[in-house]
Protein backbone atom coordinates (compact mmCIF):
# COMPACT_ATOMS: atom_id res chain seq x y z
CA MET A 1 89.84 29.64 22.30
CA LYS A 2 90.03 32.09 19.35
CA ARG A 3 87.05 32.15 16.78
CA VAL A 4 88.89 31.40 13.47
CA SER A 5 87.11 31.26 10.19
CA ILE A 6 88.11 30.07 6.70
CA LEU A 7 86.63 32.63 4.68
CA ASN A 8 87.87 35.54 7.10
CA ASP A 9 90.98 34.68 8.46
CA VAL A 10 92.46 31.66 6.19
CA LEU A 11 91.39 31.71 2.78
CA GLY A 12 91.17 35.00 1.73
CA PRO A 13 90.90 38.07 1.48
CA VAL A 14 90.54 38.26 -2.22
CA MET A 15 92.21 41.47 -2.91
CA ARG A 16 94.80 43.38 -4.74
CA GLY A 17 98.26 42.82 -4.18
CA PRO A 18 101.15 43.01 -3.01
CA SER A 19 100.88 42.45 1.00
CA SER A 20 97.77 41.31 2.99
CA SER A 21 99.41 42.77 6.10
CA HIS A 22 100.62 45.94 4.55
CA THR A 23 97.99 46.44 1.65
CA ALA A 24 94.55 44.66 2.44
CA ALA A 25 94.68 45.22 6.32
CA PRO A 26 95.32 48.94 5.61
CA PHE A 27 92.54 49.14 3.42
CA PHE A 28 90.24 47.51 5.84
CA ILE A 29 91.80 49.92 8.84
CA GLY A 30 91.10 52.74 6.55
CA THR A 31 87.61 51.55 5.79
CA VAL A 32 86.57 51.06 9.33
CA ALA A 33 88.20 54.47 10.24
CA ARG A 34 85.72 56.13 7.75
CA ALA A 35 82.87 54.69 9.39
CA LEU A 36 83.62 55.65 12.63
CA LEU A 37 84.36 59.27 11.60
CA ARG A 38 80.87 59.23 9.96
CA GLU A 39 81.97 62.05 7.70
CA GLU A 40 84.08 62.50 4.56
CA PRO A 41 87.57 63.08 6.07
CA ALA A 42 89.31 66.45 5.59
CA SER A 43 92.79 65.56 6.61
CA VAL A 44 94.33 62.25 8.27
CA THR A 45 97.49 61.25 9.79
CA PHE A 46 98.72 57.67 9.80
CA ALA A 47 101.50 57.47 12.33
CA PHE A 48 103.96 54.16 12.51
CA ASP A 49 106.39 53.51 15.18
CA PRO A 50 110.15 53.68 13.83
CA LYS A 51 110.79 50.03 15.21
CA GLY A 52 107.68 48.67 13.57
CA SER A 53 107.31 46.99 10.19
CA PHE A 54 104.92 49.50 8.78
CA ALA A 55 107.66 52.19 9.10
CA GLN A 56 110.36 50.22 6.73
CA VAL A 57 107.80 48.95 4.04
CA TYR A 58 104.58 50.80 4.12
CA HIS A 59 105.42 52.65 0.77
CA ARG A 60 106.94 49.64 -0.78
CA GLN A 61 104.12 47.48 -0.10
CA GLY A 62 101.29 49.82 -0.77
CA SER A 63 100.20 50.50 2.65
CA ASP A 64 99.76 53.97 1.85
CA ILE A 65 97.55 53.13 -0.98
CA GLY A 66 95.39 50.64 0.87
CA PHE A 67 94.76 53.28 3.70
CA ALA A 68 93.67 55.93 1.12
CA ALA A 69 91.69 53.52 -0.73
CA GLY A 70 89.77 52.38 2.27
CA LEU A 71 89.08 56.16 3.48
CA MET A 72 87.74 56.71 -0.02
CA GLY A 73 85.34 53.95 0.42
CA LEU A 74 86.61 51.98 -2.75
CA ALA A 75 86.35 48.21 -2.65
CA LEU A 76 89.30 46.00 -2.19
CA THR A 77 89.22 44.80 -5.70
CA ASP A 78 88.43 47.98 -7.54
CA GLU A 79 90.25 49.08 -10.65
CA GLY A 80 90.92 52.60 -8.99
CA PHE A 81 92.58 51.11 -5.88
CA PRO A 82 96.21 51.39 -7.15
CA ARG A 83 95.27 55.38 -7.77
CA GLY A 84 93.95 55.95 -4.06
CA LEU A 85 96.25 58.29 -3.13
CA ASP A 86 95.56 60.32 -6.39
CA LEU A 87 91.79 59.83 -6.06
CA ALA A 88 92.14 61.24 -2.42
CA ALA A 89 93.93 64.40 -3.40
CA GLN A 90 91.53 64.96 -6.25
CA LYS A 91 88.82 65.11 -3.54
CA GLY A 92 90.95 67.67 -1.41
CA MET A 93 91.71 64.97 1.32
CA GLN A 94 95.14 65.62 2.86
CA ILE A 95 96.91 62.33 3.93
CA LYS A 96 99.88 62.36 5.79
CA PHE A 97 102.38 59.71 6.89
CA SER A 98 104.43 60.03 9.93
CA ILE A 99 107.38 58.08 11.36
CA GLU A 100 107.13 58.75 15.27
CA PRO A 101 107.57 57.06 18.64
CA LEU A 102 104.14 55.49 19.43
CA LEU A 103 103.55 54.56 23.30
CA GLU A 104 100.78 51.97 21.92
CA ALA A 105 103.25 50.11 19.65
CA ASP A 106 103.33 46.54 20.98
CA HIS A 107 102.89 45.25 17.62
CA PRO A 108 105.27 45.72 14.85
CA ASN A 109 102.01 46.58 12.43
CA THR A 110 100.83 49.23 14.72
CA VAL A 111 99.53 52.36 13.52
CA GLU A 112 98.03 55.57 15.35
CA ILE A 113 95.32 57.55 13.27
CA ARG A 114 94.45 61.15 13.85
CA MET A 115 91.29 62.25 11.72
CA THR A 116 89.48 65.60 11.11
CA SER A 117 86.32 65.57 9.17
CA ARG A 118 85.06 68.32 6.94
CA SER A 119 82.87 69.55 9.49
CA GLY A 120 85.51 69.86 12.18
CA ARG A 121 84.74 66.47 14.02
CA LYS A 122 87.90 64.92 15.35
CA LEU A 123 88.53 61.27 16.15
CA SER A 124 91.82 59.50 17.13
CA ALA A 125 92.30 55.44 16.93
CA VAL A 126 94.97 52.84 17.24
CA ALA A 127 94.90 49.90 15.07
CA GLN A 128 97.03 46.74 14.18
CA SER A 129 97.54 44.84 11.21
CA THR A 130 97.64 41.33 12.63
CA GLY A 131 98.39 39.09 9.56
CA GLY A 132 96.86 37.64 6.59
CA GLY A 133 94.57 40.87 6.11
CA ALA A 134 93.12 40.53 9.58
CA PHE A 135 93.22 43.46 11.91
CA GLN A 136 92.24 44.89 15.39
CA PHE A 137 91.25 48.48 16.47
CA THR A 138 92.50 48.76 19.95
CA GLN A 139 91.93 52.41 21.24
CA LEU A 140 89.33 54.71 20.10
CA ASN A 141 89.53 58.32 21.28
CA GLN A 142 91.72 56.92 24.05
CA TRP A 143 89.36 54.36 24.91
CA PRO A 144 90.56 50.54 25.35
CA ILE A 145 88.54 48.79 22.54
CA MET A 146 88.52 45.53 20.17
CA LEU A 147 87.11 45.84 16.82
CA THR A 148 88.13 43.10 14.23
CA GLY A 149 85.67 43.48 11.39
CA ASN A 150 83.53 40.36 12.21
CA ALA A 151 80.45 41.82 13.79
CA ARG A 152 77.96 44.62 13.40
CA GLU A 153 79.17 46.96 16.34
CA LEU A 154 77.85 49.95 18.35
CA LEU A 155 79.72 51.96 20.80
CA ILE A 156 78.04 54.64 22.54
CA GLU A 157 80.14 57.30 25.02
CA ILE A 158 77.58 58.55 27.55
CA LYS A 159 77.39 60.59 31.03
CA ALA A 160 76.82 57.76 33.84
CA ASP A 161 73.29 59.15 34.61
CA ALA A 162 72.11 58.34 31.10
CA GLU A 163 72.71 54.75 31.05
CA PRO A 164 69.02 53.82 32.03
CA ALA A 165 67.57 55.86 29.17
CA VAL A 166 70.13 54.41 26.61
CA PHE A 167 69.32 50.91 27.71
CA GLU A 168 65.57 51.54 27.69
CA SER A 169 65.85 52.52 24.17
CA LEU A 170 67.88 50.01 22.95
CA SER A 171 65.52 47.26 24.38
CA ARG A 172 62.80 48.72 22.22
CA ASP A 173 64.62 49.10 19.12
CA VAL A 174 67.96 47.29 18.79
CA LYS A 175 68.99 43.59 19.34
CA PRO A 176 72.38 43.34 21.01
CA LEU A 177 74.14 40.02 21.07
CA GLY A 178 75.02 39.00 24.91
CA VAL A 179 75.75 41.94 27.54
CA PRO A 180 77.66 45.08 26.34
CA ASP A 181 81.18 45.68 27.26
CA ARG A 182 81.26 48.60 29.85
CA GLN A 183 83.80 50.85 30.94
CA VAL A 184 84.08 53.93 33.11
CA ARG A 185 86.17 56.99 33.08
CA GLY A 186 85.49 59.63 35.48
CA ASP A 187 81.68 60.40 34.84
CA LEU A 188 81.78 58.92 31.19
CA VAL A 189 80.96 55.41 30.35
CA LEU A 190 81.52 53.51 27.35
CA LEU A 191 79.16 50.74 26.06
CA HIS A 192 80.27 48.39 23.21
CA PHE A 193 77.59 46.37 21.85
CA LYS A 194 77.50 43.50 19.20
CA LEU A 195 74.40 43.43 17.20
CA ARG A 196 72.31 41.02 15.51
CA SER A 197 71.16 43.35 12.73
CA THR A 198 71.93 47.06 11.34
CA ILE A 199 70.60 49.78 13.12
CA GLU A 200 67.69 51.66 11.55
CA PRO A 201 68.67 55.38 11.00
CA GLY A 202 65.92 56.70 12.63
CA THR A 203 66.66 54.50 15.84
CA GLU A 204 70.44 55.87 15.42
CA SER A 205 69.34 59.49 15.33
CA ALA A 206 66.90 58.92 18.37
CA LEU A 207 69.91 57.30 20.38
CA ARG A 208 72.03 60.41 19.50
CA ALA A 209 69.39 62.77 20.55
CA LEU A 210 69.31 61.27 24.26
CA PRO A 211 70.30 63.58 27.02
CA GLY A 212 73.96 62.59 28.30
CA VAL A 213 74.98 60.69 24.97
CA SER A 214 78.24 62.62 23.73
CA CYS A 215 79.50 60.22 21.06
CA LEU A 216 77.84 57.30 19.16
CA PHE A 217 79.67 55.03 16.82
CA THR A 218 78.34 52.35 14.48
CA VAL A 219 80.75 49.77 12.80
CA PRO A 220 79.45 47.41 9.92
CA PRO A 221 81.28 43.81 9.40
CA VAL A 222 84.04 43.99 6.70
CA PHE A 223 84.22 40.10 7.02
CA PHE A 224 81.51 37.54 7.43
CA PRO A 225 79.80 38.30 10.68
CA LEU A 226 80.50 35.10 13.49
CA ARG A 227 77.48 33.46 14.66
CA GLY A 228 78.69 30.12 16.01
CA GLU A 229 81.53 28.45 18.09
CA PRO A 230 84.63 26.42 16.72
CA CYS A 231 84.30 22.83 17.13
CA PHE A 232 88.22 22.19 17.31
CA ALA A 233 91.37 24.22 18.42
CA SER A 234 93.90 21.49 17.91
CA ALA A 235 95.01 18.79 15.45
CA ALA A 236 94.37 16.39 18.29
CA GLU A 237 90.73 17.41 18.48
CA LEU A 238 90.51 17.81 14.74
CA ILE A 239 91.56 13.98 13.95
CA SER A 240 89.42 12.62 16.86
CA LEU A 241 86.42 14.65 15.39
CA ALA A 242 86.93 13.61 11.84
CA CYS A 243 87.36 9.80 13.05
CA SER A 244 84.21 9.92 15.16
CA ARG A 245 82.35 11.28 12.24
CA SER A 246 83.94 9.35 9.51
CA LEU A 247 84.81 12.47 7.27
CA SER A 248 87.84 13.61 5.74
CA LEU A 249 90.02 16.66 6.66
CA GLY A 250 88.15 18.65 3.97
CA GLN A 251 84.56 17.54 5.06
CA ILE A 252 85.45 18.23 8.66
CA ALA A 253 86.69 21.99 7.74
CA LEU A 254 83.53 22.61 5.71
CA ALA A 255 81.39 21.39 8.83
CA TYR A 256 83.43 23.79 10.82
CA GLU A 257 83.10 26.68 8.63
CA SER A 258 79.11 26.19 8.31
CA GLU A 259 78.90 26.21 12.15
CA ILE A 260 80.93 29.27 13.06
CA LEU A 261 79.64 31.35 10.22
CA GLY A 262 75.84 30.14 10.67
CA LEU A 263 75.83 29.34 6.91
CA PRO A 264 74.58 26.29 5.20
CA GLU A 265 77.49 24.11 3.66
CA GLN A 266 76.42 24.56 0.51
CA GLU A 267 76.55 28.30 0.70
CA VAL A 268 80.17 28.00 2.18
CA MET A 269 81.28 25.74 -0.68
CA LYS A 270 79.91 28.02 -3.17
CA GLU A 271 81.91 30.80 -1.79
CA ILE A 272 85.17 28.35 -1.48
CA ILE A 273 84.46 27.67 -5.29
CA ARG A 274 84.57 31.32 -5.76
CA ARG A 275 87.86 31.78 -4.44
CA PHE A 276 89.43 28.75 -6.05
CA GLU A 277 88.57 30.62 -9.74
CA VAL A 278 89.98 33.76 -8.50
CA MET A 279 93.15 31.48 -7.95
CA ARG A 280 92.87 29.87 -11.21
CA ALA A 281 92.51 33.05 -12.98
CA SER A 282 95.35 34.62 -11.30
CA VAL A 283 97.68 31.57 -12.54
CA GLN A 284 96.14 32.17 -15.99
CA GLN A 285 96.96 35.91 -16.09
CA GLY A 286 100.49 35.27 -14.76
CA LEU A 287 101.62 33.12 -17.42
CA GLU A 288 100.16 35.16 -20.15
CA GLU A 289 102.71 37.84 -21.85
CA ASN A 290 101.16 41.05 -20.77
CA PHE A 291 100.32 42.05 -17.08
CA PRO A 292 101.12 44.99 -14.60
CA PRO A 293 104.75 45.27 -14.03
CA MET A 294 106.75 44.23 -11.20
CA GLN A 295 108.99 46.28 -8.90
CA LEU A 296 112.07 44.39 -9.00
CA LEU A 297 111.58 41.25 -11.14
CA HIS A 298 110.92 40.45 -14.76
CA PRO A 299 108.40 37.71 -15.34
CA SER A 300 109.67 34.29 -15.59
CA ALA A 301 106.72 31.90 -14.95
CA ARG A 302 105.69 31.89 -18.50
CA SER A 303 109.25 31.16 -19.66
CA ILE A 304 109.77 28.31 -17.05
CA PHE A 305 106.45 26.77 -17.83
CA ARG A 306 107.13 26.60 -21.43
CA ALA A 307 110.54 25.06 -20.83
CA GLU A 308 109.10 22.42 -18.76
CA ALA A 309 106.27 21.72 -21.43
CA GLU A 310 109.11 21.47 -24.07
CA GLY A 311 111.48 19.36 -22.18
CA ARG A 312 114.18 21.67 -21.55
CA VAL A 313 114.66 21.23 -18.10
CA PRO A 314 116.41 18.35 -16.23
CA VAL A 315 113.37 16.92 -14.43
CA GLY A 316 110.06 18.60 -15.07
CA GLY A 317 106.70 16.88 -14.32
CA ILE A 318 103.86 18.30 -11.50
CA HIS A 319 106.40 19.71 -9.07
CA THR A 320 107.82 22.21 -11.46
CA ARG A 321 104.44 23.19 -13.10
CA ALA A 322 103.33 23.73 -9.72
CA GLY A 323 105.99 25.80 -9.06
CA ALA A 324 105.93 28.02 -12.27
CA ARG A 325 101.90 28.42 -11.39
CA ALA A 326 102.91 29.60 -8.10
CA MET A 327 105.53 32.05 -9.54
CA ALA A 328 102.72 33.20 -11.96
CA VAL A 329 100.34 33.96 -9.38
CA MET A 330 103.12 35.93 -7.25
CA HIS A 331 103.72 37.96 -10.49
CA ILE A 332 100.04 39.22 -10.49
CA ASN A 333 100.31 40.04 -6.76
CA SER A 334 103.67 41.94 -7.18
CA GLY A 335 101.89 43.75 -10.06
CA GLY A 336 98.92 44.97 -7.73
CA GLY A 337 96.56 42.39 -9.59
CA VAL A 338 93.91 40.58 -7.96
CA VAL A 339 94.91 37.28 -5.96
CA CYS A 340 93.40 35.45 -2.90
CA ALA A 341 95.57 35.50 0.01
CA ALA A 342 96.16 32.07 1.01
CA PRO A 343 96.80 32.46 4.02
CA THR A 344 98.84 35.58 3.10
CA ALA A 345 99.24 37.51 -0.05
CA GLY A 346 102.94 36.91 0.35
CA SER A 347 102.19 33.28 0.06
CA ALA A 348 99.58 33.69 -2.29
CA GLY A 349 100.96 31.49 -5.00
CA VAL A 350 101.67 28.28 -3.06
CA ILE A 351 98.16 26.70 -2.95
CA PRO A 352 96.95 27.93 -6.38
CA GLY A 353 100.21 26.46 -7.67
CA VAL A 354 99.30 23.10 -6.48
CA LEU A 355 95.72 23.02 -6.94
CA VAL A 356 95.60 24.33 -10.36
CA SER A 357 98.12 21.53 -11.16
CA LEU A 358 95.96 18.97 -9.74
CA VAL A 359 93.01 19.97 -11.49
CA GLU A 360 94.90 20.62 -14.79
CA ASP A 361 97.12 17.73 -14.83
CA LYS A 362 95.33 15.08 -12.46
CA GLY A 363 91.76 16.06 -13.83
CA LEU A 364 90.89 16.95 -10.30
CA SER A 365 86.81 18.22 -10.45
CA VAL A 366 86.33 21.81 -9.36
CA GLN A 367 84.23 20.30 -6.45
CA GLU A 368 86.99 18.13 -5.40
CA ALA A 369 89.47 21.04 -5.62
CA ALA A 370 87.00 23.20 -3.19
CA LEU A 371 87.05 20.32 -0.66
CA ALA A 372 90.87 20.28 -0.92
CA LEU A 373 90.93 24.01 -0.05
CA CYS A 374 89.05 23.12 2.64
CA ALA A 375 91.57 20.72 4.05
CA ALA A 376 94.03 23.10 3.35
CA SER A 377 92.24 25.63 5.61
CA ALA A 378 91.88 23.21 8.38
CA ILE A 379 95.70 23.38 8.73
CA GLY A 380 95.35 27.17 8.83
CA ILE A 381 92.79 27.27 11.46
CA LEU A 382 95.27 25.40 13.73
CA ILE A 383 98.10 27.91 12.93
CA ALA A 384 95.93 30.86 13.28
CA ASN A 385 94.59 29.42 16.44
CA ARG A 386 98.19 28.42 17.80
CA ALA A 387 100.51 31.05 16.32
CA THR A 388 99.88 34.19 13.33
CA PHE A 389 100.14 34.59 10.00
CA ALA A 390 102.02 37.63 10.46
CA ALA A 391 105.90 37.46 9.16
CA GLU A 392 106.41 40.90 10.87
CA VAL A 393 105.81 38.76 14.09
CA ALA A 394 107.53 35.32 13.47
CA GLY A 395 108.92 35.47 10.11
CA CYS A 396 108.22 33.90 6.69
CA GLN A 397 107.92 30.52 8.49
CA VAL A 398 104.44 31.62 9.29
CA GLU A 399 103.46 32.77 5.62
CA ILE A 400 104.98 30.48 2.75
CA ALA A 401 105.99 27.91 4.91
CA ALA A 402 102.54 27.78 6.57
CA ALA A 403 101.25 27.87 2.92
CA GLY A 404 103.11 24.70 2.29
CA ALA A 405 102.04 22.92 5.09
CA MET A 406 98.61 23.73 4.20
CA ALA A 407 99.18 22.67 0.59
CA ALA A 408 100.63 19.31 1.63
CA ALA A 409 97.28 18.52 3.46
CA ALA A 410 95.47 19.35 0.25
CA VAL A 411 97.39 16.84 -1.60
CA VAL A 412 96.82 13.92 0.58
CA GLU A 413 92.83 14.98 0.76
CA THR A 414 92.71 14.56 -3.03
CA ALA A 415 94.38 11.05 -2.98
CA GLY A 416 92.08 8.17 -2.68
CA GLY A 417 91.95 6.99 0.75
CA GLY A 418 93.94 9.80 2.47
CA THR A 419 92.80 9.97 5.71
CA ALA A 420 92.52 13.32 8.10
CA ALA A 421 95.51 12.00 10.33
CA GLN A 422 97.59 11.61 7.15
CA ALA A 423 97.06 15.07 5.90
CA VAL A 424 97.67 16.63 9.35
CA ASP A 425 101.04 14.70 9.26
CA ALA A 426 101.77 15.64 5.63
CA ALA A 427 101.25 19.22 6.98
CA ALA A 428 103.41 18.63 9.92
CA ILE A 429 106.38 17.43 8.00
CA SER A 430 106.34 20.29 5.63
CA PHE A 431 106.24 22.72 8.68
CA GLN A 432 108.95 20.87 10.17
CA ASN A 433 111.40 21.36 7.27
CA THR A 434 110.98 25.15 6.97
CA MET A 435 111.03 26.04 10.64
CA GLY A 436 113.17 29.22 10.75
CA LEU A 437 112.50 30.97 7.78
CA VAL A 438 113.07 34.37 8.00
CA CYS A 439 111.27 37.35 6.22
CA ASP A 440 113.99 39.45 4.31
CA PRO A 441 112.04 41.22 1.23
CA VAL A 442 114.81 42.72 -0.92
CA GLN A 443 114.11 46.44 -0.88
CA GLY A 444 110.99 45.96 0.86
CA ALA A 445 109.12 44.41 -2.27
CA VAL A 446 106.85 40.88 -2.02
CA GLU A 447 109.32 39.62 -4.73
CA ILE A 448 112.72 38.28 -3.82
CA PRO A 449 112.90 35.93 -2.30
CA CYS A 450 109.47 35.38 -2.06
CA HIS A 451 108.16 34.15 -5.32
CA THR A 452 110.90 31.25 -5.58
CA ARG A 453 109.98 30.25 -2.10
CA ASN A 454 106.27 30.38 -3.14
CA ALA A 455 107.41 27.90 -5.92
CA VAL A 456 109.45 25.83 -3.88
CA ALA A 457 106.58 25.29 -0.99
CA ALA A 458 104.20 24.32 -4.06
CA SER A 459 106.62 21.59 -5.31
CA SER A 460 107.60 20.27 -1.74
CA ALA A 461 103.84 19.88 -0.99
CA PHE A 462 103.69 16.88 -3.34
CA VAL A 463 107.02 15.19 -1.89
CA CYS A 464 105.51 15.60 1.66
CA ALA A 465 102.24 14.02 0.94
CA ASP A 466 104.12 11.22 -0.93
CA LEU A 467 106.30 10.36 2.26
CA VAL A 468 103.44 9.97 4.53
CA LEU A 469 101.14 8.27 2.18
CA GLY A 470 104.33 6.31 1.37
CA GLY A 471 104.40 5.19 5.25
CA TYR A 472 106.49 7.43 6.97
CA GLY A 473 105.24 7.73 10.49
CA ILE A 474 105.95 11.15 12.20
CA PRO A 475 107.20 11.62 15.68
CA ASN A 476 106.26 15.12 16.49
CA THR A 477 102.58 16.06 16.11
CA LEU A 478 101.26 19.20 14.42
CA ASP A 479 100.50 20.87 17.38
CA GLU A 480 103.89 20.35 18.73
CA THR A 481 105.36 21.85 15.56
CA ILE A 482 103.07 24.91 15.28
CA ASP A 483 103.96 25.75 19.07
CA ALA A 484 107.60 25.11 18.09
CA VAL A 485 107.21 27.16 14.99
CA TYR A 486 105.76 30.25 16.64
CA ALA A 487 108.41 29.99 19.58
CA VAL A 488 111.18 30.04 16.86
CA GLY A 489 109.54 33.08 15.11
CA GLN A 490 109.48 35.01 18.54
CA MET A 491 113.33 34.37 18.92
CA LEU A 492 114.01 36.16 15.66
CA PRO A 493 115.41 39.38 15.77
CA ARG A 494 113.37 42.46 14.15
CA GLU A 495 115.76 42.54 10.96
CA LEU A 496 114.48 39.22 10.10
CA LYS A 497 110.61 39.98 10.34
CA CYS A 498 109.59 41.84 7.28
CA THR A 499 111.69 45.21 7.94
CA ALA A 500 114.08 44.70 5.04
CA LEU A 501 117.11 44.96 7.59
CA GLY A 502 118.77 41.74 7.44
CA GLY A 503 119.03 38.46 5.52
CA LEU A 504 119.07 38.61 1.97
CA SER A 505 117.93 42.49 1.69
CA VAL A 506 121.08 43.59 3.14
CA THR A 507 123.44 41.55 0.52
CA PRO A 508 125.69 44.00 -1.76
CA SER A 509 123.34 42.81 -4.89
CA ALA A 510 120.16 43.53 -3.31
CA LEU A 511 121.20 47.14 -2.03
CA LYS A 512 122.29 47.76 -5.49
CA MET A 513 118.91 46.74 -7.16
CA SER A 514 116.96 49.84 -8.51
CA VAL A 515 113.09 49.66 -8.16
CA LEU A 516 111.35 49.42 -11.58
CA HIS A 517 108.13 50.31 -10.82
CA ARG A 518 106.02 51.39 -7.58
CA ALA A 519 103.75 48.99 -5.98
């Protein structure tokens, strides 16, 4: 069972656009690579396999900027983030991007990192962006490892005969969590510990000085550390648990997150509210007249929103307003502004479009909106558990379509008397009607058709909630639907999974388009 966190994996990160897989995750990878090297990098090469997604879109979606900003030690929302490459060059850091065959490329978002510090220390690593800003390091100096950024970690390479002294020192000064992972290669041993707390500098220096210790790496968490175990892993378990405790979908998701992070529910709710406010701010900014330019599109959300308000559209209503608000967020995302990935940056408009509309048009309180975000995140937990949020793996159906399913559950949560089972069914209907959605970004930018897909997904969330609350009985469960979506995604050819090599990306009009601005 995966340990999926709402705040780590579903509702975030809070980031600068345009892509969680290709901007935020590279930032985290660069941040961890810097920590592993332990010194200011002098030269770094990021290598991508030609068959992967990075090779096709790393420049257009800001992966190069993300890697550089992480190496520089910037914050993900720092105003200097978009100038990461320039700032690195000003400090004399040489960053190279290479497209070459990689033996370790068993994921489309694989990167091989080769680093040299200013003192000459060398380090090699392999990492992968796994969707929604999540990442994993799978290799360090040819050792197989697994680092995902949700724990304090210590890795020590030693001579085999040095093990007793290392364990004695650790038992006095360090508090590991559980038994370390242990690997042997010739007369070398790699010990990988997860830690309860940060190692004191003096303790780290003492460990490095022990005879037989050849390398020592400390890695701080970049996400909330995981302390507990998940209380459900399927929709069936989720519904059963909610019924047994007489809780709504949002309430059971809040309890889940409190348990897995080891934090009081009040603290979790406070952070959920903060992320809602980020969403609301991005909606408001995207409906203004002036904001950072996009690469391909001219802004239209404000025009659509005003046309609906003035009765100049055929139907209008909350569905249209939600769609316009969703597009507003995506405008900000494309301009490199701050958004909350939900569950990805490419789908960052759907849930804000729905929830801000419920707050502004239906009088929902911020507290109620936060609980609805928890309900949406419960669906995200299930998708992350059984499938993925990476369009590079399973197409846009696990990004924008997943956000639409999550939003449908959120709408049910806000309806008086809507049960956890009904919210889950609304999510299933939404997901079933977007199955097979491909990822085909025109010119490799997260704009066409992403912006209008966000709008339509936001609008349809209300319809799916209405259908279930109106009496529709769904024959296929959400668990079955997620499994089917994932299976379909694996059947899609790579041309339709965020490589800009198929679908709308290769129409004559798309190929003629010129990029207005770089991400």
